[in-house]
Amino acid sequence: MADLIPSANSASPTNSDQPFKPAYTLWQLLVYFLRLGTLGFGGPVALVGYMHRDLVVERDWITEEDYKEGLALAQLAPGPLAAQLAIYLGYVHYRILGATVVGIAFVLPSFLMVVGLGWAYVHFGGLSWMQSVFYGVGAAVIGIIVMSAKKLTQKSVGKDKLLWAIYLLLATVTAITESEIAWLFIAAGVLVWLMRAPPKWLNSGKLHAAGLAQAPLAFALLDEVELSVLSQIAVFFAKAGAFVFGSGLAIVPFLYGGVVTEHHWLTDKQFVDAVAVAMITPGPVVITVGFIGYLVAGLSGATVAALATFLPCYLFTIIPAPYFKKYGKVPGVLAFVDGITAAAIGAIAGSVFVIAKRSIIDIPTALIALTTIVLLWKFKKLQEPLVVAVAAVLGVLIYPLLPH
């Protein structure tokens, strides 16, 4: 994607003596993504579908080719799918400024919403109506994660025996340890890379095994340093943002291991409530980090958590973007991503077991979770926010009747 152009189509630059002028202004793009971030319900798949419909088909601002390249990069690189595609589409014609403006516009509305919900949760969390809402919603979230894990498994793991082995290993490790071991993601990617598309230097016996063995310790060194709470939030959520592959739900097991098991920032119930908040708000699911950050350290914690999580996503988009046409389909890159994606989905599957133990506490919650699974299985186009809203109503009706 060169910087020069005009073309008959409004979208992408081509070689020309005249400077290319997109068919839309940066301000128009900003307004569009503010609106999408405010009203875009339905999860990452729905959001990327809206972008295609609105920007490619109806407005003709982006070419089909640029859209497909952005979607491929978003699937290959770490980062929440919808947010990363939005950033890439901002980059297409307005480069770094466009990517930055679009990224902020897309994430800001849902961030403000979760901060507002965080404030209400902290100040009114003891009220019976809020406890009732999360009683029902927390159970429904389990069903939603189960179905999301199923879809991701079918799409990304399929019948591949090597990927299934990685998937089952990570699911088992996550379920047993109730945490996520980040370096196993990298190890899974390297394993598939070396087995499916080994580099030439591997056959020459120049594999720097000692160096590879020490690489996972880089994250551990940061954990040993005494840091302030905000610094701890920044370091932890930056790591979280670097391991969100394909779906925002991939961050759920990683967050649970850190905020509940390791740092003890939240209780089990608070964590499930945080995931529920992400389900009932528009925009990227990953924005739940803002809610978690608010519970830990107020507005400062929410801001630091969100910035730290989305900065890797932003960098993993704008840095490779100029080179993606050339290197995006290299077999080694594809193999590495296949391995790390299988590991991430396995961790999601394992986290279902961990979180369900805390959310499924009686017969009504078990029935809500089971009904959610059945409905999402049977009705493919059923919107998750609608399911969450119904679960909230059920919680309001049922919770006050239970003995406390």
Protein backbone atom coordinates (compact mmCIF):
# COMPACT_ATOMS: atom_id res chain seq x y z
CA MET A 1 0.00 0.00 0.00
CA ALA A 2 1.92 2.95 -1.26
CA ASP A 3 1.29 6.48 -0.24
CA LEU A 4 0.69 7.73 -3.76
CA ILE A 5 -2.21 7.22 -6.06
CA PRO A 6 -5.33 7.78 -7.59
CA SER A 7 -7.49 5.03 -8.72
CA ALA A 8 -10.93 4.78 -10.19
CA ASN A 9 -11.99 3.08 -7.02
CA SER A 10 -11.94 5.24 -3.93
CA ALA A 11 -10.04 2.87 -1.88
CA SER A 12 -6.43 1.99 -2.29
CA PRO A 13 -3.37 3.82 -3.49
CA THR A 14 -1.80 3.00 -6.88
CA ASN A 15 1.08 4.58 -8.76
CA SER A 16 0.32 8.02 -10.25
CA ASP A 17 1.73 11.49 -10.62
CA GLN A 18 -1.22 12.92 -8.70
CA PRO A 19 -1.52 12.62 -4.91
CA PHE A 20 -4.24 10.22 -3.91
CA LYS A 21 -7.30 11.66 -2.16
CA PRO A 22 -9.62 9.19 -0.41
CA ALA A 23 -13.36 9.50 -0.99
CA TYR A 24 -13.82 10.23 2.71
CA THR A 25 -12.22 12.45 5.31
CA LEU A 26 -10.52 11.35 8.47
CA TRP A 27 -13.30 13.10 10.38
CA GLN A 28 -15.93 10.95 8.61
CA LEU A 29 -13.98 7.82 9.52
CA LEU A 30 -13.71 9.01 13.12
CA VAL A 31 -17.48 9.57 13.34
CA TYR A 32 -18.19 6.14 11.84
CA PHE A 33 -16.02 4.28 14.34
CA LEU A 34 -17.36 6.31 17.26
CA ARG A 35 -20.84 5.17 16.22
CA LEU A 36 -19.76 1.55 15.74
CA GLY A 37 -18.02 1.54 19.13
CA THR A 38 -21.20 2.90 20.72
CA LEU A 39 -23.78 0.70 19.03
CA GLY A 40 -21.78 -2.31 17.81
CA PHE A 41 -23.19 -5.27 19.70
CA GLY A 42 -22.74 -8.91 18.77
CA GLY A 43 -19.08 -9.72 19.39
CA PRO A 44 -16.02 -9.65 17.10
CA VAL A 45 -17.52 -11.61 14.20
CA ALA A 46 -20.50 -9.25 14.01
CA LEU A 47 -18.30 -6.16 14.28
CA VAL A 48 -16.01 -7.16 11.41
CA GLY A 49 -19.14 -7.93 9.39
CA TYR A 50 -20.49 -4.43 10.03
CA MET A 51 -17.21 -2.92 8.85
CA HIS A 52 -17.36 -4.87 5.59
CA ARG A 53 -20.98 -3.97 4.96
CA ASP A 54 -20.58 -0.30 5.76
CA LEU A 55 -17.09 0.58 4.51
CA VAL A 56 -16.63 -1.80 1.57
CA VAL A 57 -20.10 -2.54 0.19
CA GLU A 58 -22.20 0.53 0.98
CA ARG A 59 -19.75 3.46 1.20
CA ASP A 60 -16.97 2.11 -1.05
CA TRP A 61 -14.35 3.74 1.15
CA ILE A 62 -12.20 0.60 1.42
CA THR A 63 -11.47 -1.92 -1.33
CA GLU A 64 -12.26 -5.61 -0.89
CA GLU A 65 -8.54 -6.35 -1.17
CA ASP A 66 -7.56 -3.95 1.62
CA TYR A 67 -10.35 -5.27 3.83
CA LYS A 68 -9.25 -8.90 3.34
CA GLU A 69 -5.63 -8.01 4.05
CA GLY A 70 -6.64 -6.23 7.25
CA LEU A 71 -8.75 -9.18 8.34
CA ALA A 72 -5.90 -11.60 7.64
CA LEU A 73 -3.44 -9.51 9.66
CA ALA A 74 -5.95 -9.24 12.52
CA GLN A 75 -6.27 -13.03 12.58
CA LEU A 76 -2.53 -13.65 12.36
CA ALA A 77 -1.20 -11.16 14.88
CA PRO A 78 -1.94 -10.91 18.61
CA GLY A 79 -4.75 -8.53 19.38
CA PRO A 80 -8.56 -8.51 19.62
CA LEU A 81 -9.90 -9.18 16.12
CA ALA A 82 -12.37 -6.30 15.67
CA ALA A 83 -10.15 -3.62 17.22
CA GLN A 84 -7.17 -4.67 15.16
CA LEU A 85 -9.14 -4.66 11.90
CA ALA A 86 -10.48 -1.19 12.74
CA ILE A 87 -6.96 0.10 13.32
CA TYR A 88 -5.79 -1.39 10.02
CA LEU A 89 -8.65 0.18 8.09
CA GLY A 90 -7.72 3.53 9.60
CA TYR A 91 -4.15 2.94 8.43
CA VAL A 92 -5.11 2.17 4.80
CA HIS A 93 -5.40 5.79 3.64
CA TYR A 94 -4.39 7.90 6.64
CA ARG A 95 -1.48 5.82 7.90
CA ILE A 96 -0.40 6.18 11.54
CA LEU A 97 -2.65 9.17 12.24
CA GLY A 98 -5.65 7.31 10.85
CA ALA A 99 -4.82 4.13 12.76
CA THR A 100 -4.45 6.10 16.00
CA VAL A 101 -7.65 8.12 15.59
CA VAL A 102 -9.72 5.08 14.60
CA GLY A 103 -8.32 2.94 17.43
CA ILE A 104 -9.26 5.55 20.02
CA ALA A 105 -12.68 6.24 18.49
CA PHE A 106 -13.59 2.53 18.37
CA VAL A 107 -12.54 1.72 21.94
CA LEU A 108 -13.45 4.95 23.77
CA PRO A 109 -17.28 4.56 23.92
CA SER A 110 -17.22 1.08 25.46
CA PHE A 111 -14.38 2.15 27.78
CA LEU A 112 -16.51 4.99 29.16
CA MET A 113 -19.41 2.57 29.59
CA VAL A 114 -17.42 0.01 31.58
CA VAL A 115 -15.90 2.75 33.74
CA GLY A 116 -19.43 3.99 34.49
CA LEU A 117 -20.53 0.45 35.31
CA GLY A 118 -17.42 0.02 37.44
CA TRP A 119 -18.30 3.14 39.42
CA ALA A 120 -21.86 1.89 39.94
CA TYR A 121 -20.59 -1.57 40.88
CA VAL A 122 -18.23 -0.17 43.51
CA HIS A 123 -20.74 2.27 44.97
CA PHE A 124 -23.93 0.20 44.69
CA GLY A 125 -22.58 -3.33 44.51
CA GLY A 126 -24.26 -4.16 47.78
CA LEU A 127 -27.72 -3.40 46.44
CA SER A 128 -29.86 -6.46 45.88
CA TRP A 129 -30.82 -5.48 42.33
CA MET A 130 -27.20 -5.46 41.16
CA GLN A 131 -26.46 -8.77 42.87
CA SER A 132 -29.59 -10.19 41.26
CA VAL A 133 -28.55 -9.03 37.78
CA PHE A 134 -25.10 -10.56 38.01
CA TYR A 135 -26.52 -13.77 39.51
CA GLY A 136 -28.31 -14.44 36.22
CA VAL A 137 -25.81 -12.86 33.85
CA GLY A 138 -22.82 -14.70 35.36
CA ALA A 139 -24.47 -18.04 34.62
CA ALA A 140 -25.35 -17.01 31.06
CA VAL A 141 -21.76 -15.93 30.44
CA ILE A 142 -20.62 -19.50 31.09
CA GLY A 143 -22.93 -20.72 28.33
CA ILE A 144 -21.69 -18.00 25.96
CA ILE A 145 -18.05 -18.91 26.57
CA VAL A 146 -18.83 -22.61 26.03
CA MET A 147 -20.36 -21.89 22.61
CA SER A 148 -17.59 -19.46 21.67
CA ALA A 149 -14.97 -22.10 22.55
CA LYS A 150 -16.87 -24.64 20.42
CA LYS A 151 -16.97 -22.34 17.38
CA LEU A 152 -13.32 -21.36 17.73
CA THR A 153 -12.29 -25.01 18.11
CA GLN A 154 -14.14 -26.08 14.97
CA LYS A 155 -12.77 -23.17 12.95
CA SER A 156 -9.15 -23.10 14.07
CA VAL A 157 -8.31 -26.63 15.26
CA GLY A 158 -10.53 -28.73 12.99
CA LYS A 159 -9.19 -32.28 12.57
CA ASP A 160 -5.50 -31.41 12.85
CA LYS A 161 -3.93 -33.93 15.28
CA LEU A 162 -0.97 -31.75 16.26
CA LEU A 163 -3.20 -28.76 16.98
CA TRP A 164 -5.58 -30.99 18.93
CA ALA A 165 -2.69 -32.19 21.11
CA ILE A 166 -1.72 -28.59 21.87
CA TYR A 167 -5.37 -27.67 22.45
CA LEU A 168 -5.96 -30.51 24.93
CA LEU A 169 -2.69 -29.85 26.75
CA LEU A 170 -3.48 -26.18 27.32
CA ALA A 171 -7.09 -26.95 28.29
CA THR A 172 -5.86 -29.47 30.88
CA VAL A 173 -3.12 -27.20 32.25
CA THR A 174 -5.54 -24.28 32.57
CA ALA A 175 -8.21 -26.39 34.29
CA ILE A 176 -5.76 -27.97 36.76
CA THR A 177 -3.62 -24.94 37.63
CA GLU A 178 -6.55 -22.47 37.35
CA SER A 179 -4.15 -20.07 35.65
CA GLU A 180 -2.58 -19.54 32.27
CA ILE A 181 1.12 -20.11 31.59
CA ALA A 182 1.89 -17.51 28.93
CA TRP A 183 5.14 -18.99 27.68
CA LEU A 184 3.30 -22.19 26.69
CA PHE A 185 1.58 -20.12 23.99
CA ILE A 186 4.94 -19.18 22.48
CA ALA A 187 6.21 -22.75 22.86
CA ALA A 188 3.16 -24.05 20.98
CA GLY A 189 3.74 -21.60 18.14
CA VAL A 190 7.43 -22.49 17.89
CA LEU A 191 6.63 -26.22 17.94
CA VAL A 192 4.20 -26.03 15.02
CA TRP A 193 6.57 -23.71 13.15
CA LEU A 194 9.51 -26.12 13.51
CA MET A 195 7.40 -29.15 12.57
CA ARG A 196 5.42 -27.67 9.68
CA ALA A 197 7.74 -25.09 8.14
CA PRO A 198 11.25 -25.50 9.62
CA PRO A 199 13.69 -22.73 8.67
CA LYS A 200 16.74 -23.64 6.60
CA TRP A 201 19.16 -22.99 9.44
CA LEU A 202 17.47 -25.72 11.49
CA ASN A 203 18.85 -28.41 9.20
CA SER A 204 22.31 -26.94 9.49
CA GLY A 205 22.40 -27.64 13.21
CA LYS A 206 22.49 -23.97 14.21
CA LEU A 207 19.42 -24.02 16.43
CA HIS A 208 20.11 -21.78 19.40
CA ALA A 209 18.26 -24.01 21.83
CA ALA A 210 19.71 -22.36 24.90
CA GLY A 211 18.49 -18.97 23.79
CA LEU A 212 15.00 -20.28 23.05
CA ALA A 213 14.86 -21.99 26.41
CA GLN A 214 15.61 -18.72 28.19
CA ALA A 215 13.10 -16.62 26.23
CA PRO A 216 10.06 -17.49 28.40
CA LEU A 217 11.94 -16.20 31.45
CA ALA A 218 11.70 -12.62 30.18
CA PHE A 219 8.16 -12.23 31.48
CA ALA A 220 9.05 -13.94 34.76
CA LEU A 221 11.81 -11.40 35.46
CA LEU A 222 9.28 -8.57 35.39
CA ASP A 223 7.15 -10.43 37.93
CA GLU A 224 10.05 -10.51 40.41
CA VAL A 225 10.46 -6.74 40.48
CA GLU A 226 8.68 -4.81 43.20
CA LEU A 227 6.32 -2.43 41.44
CA SER A 228 3.57 -0.03 42.45
CA VAL A 229 -0.01 -1.16 41.88
CA LEU A 230 -0.38 0.93 38.70
CA SER A 231 2.95 -0.38 37.41
CA GLN A 232 1.84 -3.94 38.16
CA ILE A 233 -1.40 -3.27 36.27
CA ALA A 234 0.55 -1.87 33.31
CA VAL A 235 2.95 -4.84 33.13
CA PHE A 236 0.27 -7.49 33.58
CA PHE A 237 -2.22 -6.06 31.08
CA ALA A 238 0.53 -5.42 28.50
CA LYS A 239 1.30 -9.14 28.68
CA ALA A 240 -2.40 -9.90 28.41
CA GLY A 241 -2.74 -7.73 25.31
CA ALA A 242 0.15 -9.54 23.66
CA PHE A 243 -1.59 -12.93 23.96
CA VAL A 244 -5.11 -12.21 22.74
CA PHE A 245 -5.26 -14.22 19.51
CA GLY A 246 -8.34 -14.23 17.29
CA SER A 247 -11.09 -13.59 19.81
CA GLY A 248 -11.39 -11.27 22.76
CA LEU A 249 -12.47 -14.26 24.85
CA ALA A 250 -8.92 -15.59 24.62
CA ILE A 251 -7.99 -13.04 27.27
CA VAL A 252 -10.43 -14.49 29.84
CA PRO A 253 -8.28 -17.37 31.15
CA PHE A 254 -5.17 -15.19 31.11
CA LEU A 255 -6.91 -12.50 33.14
CA TYR A 256 -8.33 -15.01 35.61
CA GLY A 257 -4.90 -16.45 36.35
CA GLY A 258 -3.47 -12.99 36.96
CA VAL A 259 -6.14 -10.91 38.65
CA VAL A 260 -7.64 -13.68 40.80
CA THR A 261 -5.03 -16.39 41.37
CA GLU A 262 -1.73 -14.51 41.18
CA HIS A 263 -2.35 -10.92 42.30
CA HIS A 264 -5.63 -11.49 44.22
CA TRP A 265 -6.97 -8.19 42.92
CA LEU A 266 -10.50 -9.59 42.46
CA THR A 267 -12.58 -12.36 43.97
CA ASP A 268 -14.01 -15.13 41.80
CA LYS A 269 -17.41 -13.46 41.82
CA GLN A 270 -16.01 -10.06 40.87
CA PHE A 271 -14.13 -11.60 37.94
CA VAL A 272 -17.23 -13.32 36.56
CA ASP A 273 -19.09 -10.02 36.94
CA ALA A 274 -16.31 -8.29 34.97
CA VAL A 275 -16.72 -10.76 32.09
CA ALA A 276 -20.48 -10.22 32.26
CA VAL A 277 -19.97 -6.46 31.91
CA ALA A 278 -18.00 -7.05 28.71
CA MET A 279 -20.91 -9.11 27.36
CA ILE A 280 -23.55 -6.45 27.96
CA THR A 281 -21.60 -3.52 26.49
CA PRO A 282 -20.87 -2.80 22.79
CA GLY A 283 -17.43 -2.76 21.27
CA PRO A 284 -14.56 -5.22 21.84
CA VAL A 285 -14.95 -7.85 24.58
CA VAL A 286 -11.41 -7.07 25.73
CA ILE A 287 -12.69 -3.79 27.16
CA THR A 288 -13.51 -5.76 30.30
CA VAL A 289 -9.95 -4.82 31.32
CA GLY A 290 -11.23 -1.29 31.96
CA PHE A 291 -13.79 -2.59 34.43
CA ILE A 292 -11.19 -4.76 36.17
CA GLY A 293 -8.73 -1.88 36.33
CA TYR A 294 -11.40 0.34 37.88
CA LEU A 295 -12.15 -2.20 40.61
CA VAL A 296 -8.44 -2.46 41.41
CA ALA A 297 -7.36 1.20 41.33
CA GLY A 298 -10.23 3.45 40.28
CA LEU A 299 -10.15 5.60 37.14
CA SER A 300 -6.34 5.52 37.00
CA GLY A 301 -6.37 1.74 37.12
CA ALA A 302 -9.00 1.55 34.37
CA THR A 303 -7.04 3.91 32.12
CA VAL A 304 -3.71 2.16 32.62
CA ALA A 305 -5.25 -1.29 32.10
CA ALA A 306 -6.96 -0.25 28.85
CA LEU A 307 -3.89 1.54 27.44
CA ALA A 308 -1.58 -1.33 28.35
CA THR A 309 -3.90 -3.91 26.78
CA PHE A 310 -4.55 -2.08 23.52
CA LEU A 311 -1.02 -0.75 22.94
CA PRO A 312 0.33 -4.16 21.81
CA CYS A 313 -2.72 -4.55 19.55
CA TYR A 314 -1.98 -1.14 18.02
CA LEU A 315 1.74 -1.81 17.55
CA PHE A 316 1.14 -5.31 16.13
CA THR A 317 -0.98 -3.61 13.47
CA ILE A 318 0.92 -0.50 12.38
CA ILE A 319 4.42 -2.04 12.47
CA PRO A 320 3.79 -5.02 10.15
CA ALA A 321 1.17 -3.25 8.01
CA PRO A 322 3.63 -1.92 5.38
CA TYR A 323 5.22 -5.38 5.01
CA PHE A 324 2.17 -7.58 5.31
CA LYS A 325 1.54 -7.90 1.58
CA LYS A 326 4.97 -9.48 1.19
CA TYR A 327 5.36 -11.61 4.30
CA GLY A 328 1.84 -12.27 5.61
CA LYS A 329 1.52 -15.63 3.84
CA VAL A 330 4.97 -17.03 4.60
CA PRO A 331 4.51 -20.69 5.71
CA GLY A 332 6.57 -20.21 8.87
CA VAL A 333 4.42 -17.26 9.99
CA LEU A 334 1.20 -19.16 9.31
CA ALA A 335 2.45 -22.25 11.16
CA PHE A 336 3.50 -20.21 14.22
CA VAL A 337 0.09 -18.53 14.38
CA ASP A 338 -1.70 -21.89 14.02
CA GLY A 339 0.15 -23.23 17.06
CA ILE A 340 -0.37 -20.21 19.27
CA THR A 341 -4.05 -19.98 18.28
CA ALA A 342 -4.67 -23.64 19.19
CA ALA A 343 -3.05 -22.97 22.57
CA ALA A 344 -5.22 -19.90 23.16
CA ILE A 345 -8.44 -21.74 22.31
CA GLY A 346 -7.42 -24.63 24.54
CA ALA A 347 -6.94 -22.17 27.39
CA ILE A 348 -10.43 -20.78 26.77
CA ALA A 349 -11.86 -24.31 26.99
CA GLY A 350 -10.00 -24.93 30.23
CA SER A 351 -11.17 -21.63 31.68
CA VAL A 352 -14.81 -22.69 31.20
CA PHE A 353 -14.30 -25.37 33.84
CA VAL A 354 -12.51 -22.98 36.20
CA ILE A 355 -15.04 -20.15 35.99
CA ALA A 356 -18.07 -22.45 35.98
CA LYS A 357 -17.11 -23.76 39.41
CA ARG A 358 -17.66 -20.25 40.76
CA SER A 359 -20.72 -19.23 38.73
CA ILE A 360 -22.82 -22.39 38.68
CA ILE A 361 -23.72 -22.43 42.36
CA ASP A 362 -27.24 -23.93 42.36
CA ILE A 363 -29.97 -25.41 40.16
CA PRO A 364 -31.26 -22.08 38.74
CA THR A 365 -27.78 -20.97 37.59
CA ALA A 366 -27.14 -24.42 36.11
CA LEU A 367 -30.40 -24.19 34.18
CA ILE A 368 -29.62 -20.67 32.93
CA ALA A 369 -26.19 -21.77 31.69
CA LEU A 370 -27.59 -24.92 30.04
CA THR A 371 -30.45 -23.01 28.41
CA THR A 372 -27.98 -20.44 27.06
CA ILE A 373 -25.94 -23.21 25.43
CA VAL A 374 -29.03 -24.83 23.88
CA LEU A 375 -30.39 -21.54 22.53
CA LEU A 376 -27.08 -20.44 21.00
CA TRP A 377 -26.59 -23.91 19.53
CA LYS A 378 -30.07 -24.05 17.99
CA PHE A 379 -30.44 -20.42 16.88
CA LYS A 380 -27.17 -19.48 15.17
CA LYS A 381 -28.11 -15.82 14.67
CA LEU A 382 -29.30 -15.21 18.22
CA GLN A 383 -27.55 -12.10 19.56
CA GLU A 384 -25.56 -12.60 22.76
CA PRO A 385 -26.59 -9.25 24.31
CA LEU A 386 -30.24 -10.38 24.08
CA VAL A 387 -29.39 -13.60 25.91
CA VAL A 388 -27.55 -11.61 28.58
CA ALA A 389 -30.51 -9.21 28.98
CA VAL A 390 -32.96 -12.09 29.48
CA ALA A 391 -30.58 -13.70 31.99
CA ALA A 392 -30.42 -10.41 33.89
CA VAL A 393 -34.23 -10.30 34.12
CA LEU A 394 -34.29 -13.92 35.34
CA GLY A 395 -31.70 -13.04 37.96
CA VAL A 396 -33.82 -10.13 39.21
CA LEU A 397 -36.82 -12.43 39.50
CA ILE A 398 -35.10 -15.46 41.03
CA TYR A 399 -32.34 -14.12 43.29
CA PRO A 400 -34.60 -12.40 45.88
CA LEU A 401 -36.48 -15.69 46.38
CA LEU A 402 -33.35 -17.61 47.36
CA PRO A 403 -32.16 -18.02 50.97
CA HIS A 404 -29.15 -15.79 51.76
